[in-house]
Amino acid sequence: MSKGGWYLWHYLTLLKGKAYCDIYCKRITFNVKFRYVYRHFHWYSSSNNKFKQ
């Protein structure tokens, strides 16, 4: 592969990587937020049940 072609390939790989990273990072952030909220809510509702009993 010529040097120019290698640079182009590298550049495209980086672009693709960045696009994947953006999607992946958003997904991870969403999952973490969702899990945190769910666990927090779950803990809150279960502690409420203890108080009611």
N, C-alpha and C. Protein backbone atom coordinates (compact mmCIF):
# COMPACT_ATOMS: atom_id res chain seq x y z
N MET A 1 0.85 -1.19 0.00
CA MET A 1 0.00 0.00 0.00
C MET A 1 0.89 1.24 0.00
N SER A 2 0.55 2.23 -0.83
CA SER A 2 1.34 3.45 -0.88
C SER A 2 1.12 4.26 0.40
N LYS A 3 2.04 5.19 0.63
CA LYS A 3 1.94 5.98 1.85
C LYS A 3 0.63 6.78 1.88
N GLY A 4 0.27 7.36 0.72
CA GLY A 4 -0.97 8.14 0.64
C GLY A 4 -2.18 7.27 0.93
N GLY A 5 -2.19 6.06 0.35
CA GLY A 5 -3.29 5.13 0.58
C GLY A 5 -3.38 4.71 2.03
N TRP A 6 -2.21 4.52 2.64
CA TRP A 6 -2.17 4.11 4.05
C TRP A 6 -2.75 5.21 4.93
N TYR A 7 -2.38 6.47 4.62
CA TYR A 7 -2.91 7.59 5.39
C TYR A 7 -4.42 7.68 5.24
N LEU A 8 -4.89 7.50 4.00
CA LEU A 8 -6.32 7.57 3.73
C LEU A 8 -7.06 6.48 4.51
N TRP A 9 -6.52 5.27 4.46
CA TRP A 9 -7.13 4.13 5.17
C TRP A 9 -7.16 4.40 6.66
N HIS A 10 -6.04 4.93 7.17
CA HIS A 10 -5.92 5.23 8.59
C HIS A 10 -6.96 6.28 8.99
N TYR A 11 -7.09 7.30 8.12
CA TYR A 11 -8.03 8.39 8.37
C TYR A 11 -9.47 7.87 8.40
N LEU A 12 -9.81 7.02 7.43
CA LEU A 12 -11.15 6.44 7.38
C LEU A 12 -11.42 5.57 8.60
N THR A 13 -10.41 4.82 9.00
CA THR A 13 -10.55 3.97 10.19
C THR A 13 -10.80 4.83 11.42
N LEU A 14 -10.08 5.94 11.52
CA LEU A 14 -10.26 6.85 12.65
C LEU A 14 -11.67 7.44 12.64
N LEU A 15 -12.13 7.84 11.45
CA LEU A 15 -13.48 8.41 11.34
C LEU A 15 -14.53 7.38 11.76
N LYS A 16 -14.35 6.17 11.26
CA LYS A 16 -15.29 5.09 11.59
C LYS A 16 -15.25 4.83 13.09
N GLY A 17 -14.03 4.80 13.62
CA GLY A 17 -13.85 4.58 15.06
C GLY A 17 -14.53 5.66 15.87
N LYS A 18 -14.42 6.90 15.41
CA LYS A 18 -15.04 8.00 16.14
C LYS A 18 -16.56 7.88 16.11
N ALA A 19 -17.09 7.51 14.94
CA ALA A 19 -18.54 7.36 14.82
C ALA A 19 -19.03 6.25 15.75
N TYR A 20 -18.31 5.12 15.74
CA TYR A 20 -18.68 4.01 16.62
C TYR A 20 -18.57 4.44 18.08
N CYS A 21 -17.52 5.17 18.39
CA CYS A 21 -17.30 5.61 19.77
C CYS A 21 -18.43 6.51 20.23
N ASP A 22 -18.84 7.43 19.35
CA ASP A 22 -19.94 8.34 19.70
C ASP A 22 -21.21 7.55 20.03
N ILE A 23 -21.53 6.61 19.15
CA ILE A 23 -22.72 5.78 19.35
C ILE A 23 -22.58 4.96 20.63
N TYR A 24 -21.41 4.33 20.76
CA TYR A 24 -21.14 3.45 21.90
C TYR A 24 -21.17 4.22 23.21
N CYS A 25 -20.52 5.40 23.19
CA CYS A 25 -20.46 6.22 24.41
C CYS A 25 -21.85 6.68 24.82
N LYS A 26 -22.65 7.08 23.83
CA LYS A 26 -24.02 7.49 24.14
C LYS A 26 -24.80 6.34 24.74
N ARG A 27 -24.60 5.16 24.15
CA ARG A 27 -25.32 3.99 24.64
C ARG A 27 -24.90 3.66 26.06
N ILE A 28 -23.59 3.70 26.31
CA ILE A 28 -23.07 3.40 27.65
C ILE A 28 -23.61 4.42 28.65
N THR A 29 -23.56 5.70 28.27
CA THR A 29 -24.05 6.75 29.17
C THR A 29 -25.51 6.52 29.50
N PHE A 30 -26.30 6.19 28.48
CA PHE A 30 -27.72 5.94 28.67
C PHE A 30 -27.93 4.74 29.60
N ASN A 31 -27.17 3.66 29.35
CA ASN A 31 -27.30 2.45 30.17
C ASN A 31 -26.95 2.73 31.62
N VAL A 32 -25.87 3.47 31.83
CA VAL A 32 -25.43 3.78 33.19
C VAL A 32 -26.48 4.63 33.90
N LYS A 33 -26.98 5.64 33.21
CA LYS A 33 -28.02 6.49 33.80
C LYS A 33 -29.25 5.67 34.13
N PHE A 34 -29.68 4.85 33.17
CA PHE A 34 -30.87 4.04 33.35
C PHE A 34 -30.70 3.10 34.52
N ARG A 35 -29.53 2.44 34.60
CA ARG A 35 -29.28 1.48 35.67
C ARG A 35 -29.26 2.20 37.02
N TYR A 36 -28.64 3.38 37.05
CA TYR A 36 -28.55 4.13 38.30
C TYR A 36 -29.94 4.54 38.78
N VAL A 37 -30.72 5.08 37.84
CA VAL A 37 -32.08 5.52 38.19
C VAL A 37 -32.92 4.33 38.63
N TYR A 38 -32.81 3.22 37.89
CA TYR A 38 -33.59 2.03 38.22
C TYR A 38 -33.23 1.51 39.60
N ARG A 39 -31.91 1.41 39.88
CA ARG A 39 -31.47 0.87 41.16
C ARG A 39 -31.88 1.81 42.28
N HIS A 40 -31.75 3.11 42.04
CA HIS A 40 -32.10 4.10 43.04
C HIS A 40 -33.59 4.01 43.34
N PHE A 41 -34.39 3.93 42.29
CA PHE A 41 -35.84 3.85 42.42
C PHE A 41 -36.24 2.55 43.10
N HIS A 42 -35.58 1.46 42.70
CA HIS A 42 -35.86 0.15 43.26
C HIS A 42 -35.55 0.14 44.76
N TRP A 43 -34.39 0.71 45.12
CA TRP A 43 -33.98 0.76 46.52
C TRP A 43 -34.97 1.61 47.31
N TYR A 44 -35.38 2.72 46.71
CA TYR A 44 -36.31 3.65 47.35
C TYR A 44 -37.65 2.97 47.61
N SER A 45 -38.15 2.25 46.60
CA SER A 45 -39.45 1.60 46.77
C SER A 45 -39.37 0.45 47.77
N SER A 46 -38.24 -0.28 47.78
CA SER A 46 -38.12 -1.40 48.72
C SER A 46 -37.95 -0.88 50.14
N SER A 47 -37.26 0.26 50.31
CA SER A 47 -37.11 0.82 51.66
C SER A 47 -38.45 1.39 52.13
N ASN A 48 -39.24 1.89 51.21
CA ASN A 48 -40.59 2.37 51.56
C ASN A 48 -41.45 1.21 52.04
N ASN A 49 -41.30 0.07 51.41
CA ASN A 49 -42.07 -1.11 51.80
C ASN A 49 -41.71 -1.54 53.21
N LYS A 50 -40.42 -1.43 53.56
CA LYS A 50 -39.99 -1.80 54.91
C LYS A 50 -40.64 -0.88 55.94
N PHE A 51 -40.71 0.41 55.60
CA PHE A 51 -41.30 1.35 56.53
C PHE A 51 -42.80 1.11 56.70
N LYS A 52 -43.46 0.71 55.63
CA LYS A 52 -44.90 0.47 55.69
C LYS A 52 -45.24 -0.74 56.55
N GLN A 53 -44.37 -1.74 56.56
CA GLN A 53 -44.67 -2.97 57.29
C GLN A 53 -44.54 -2.82 58.76
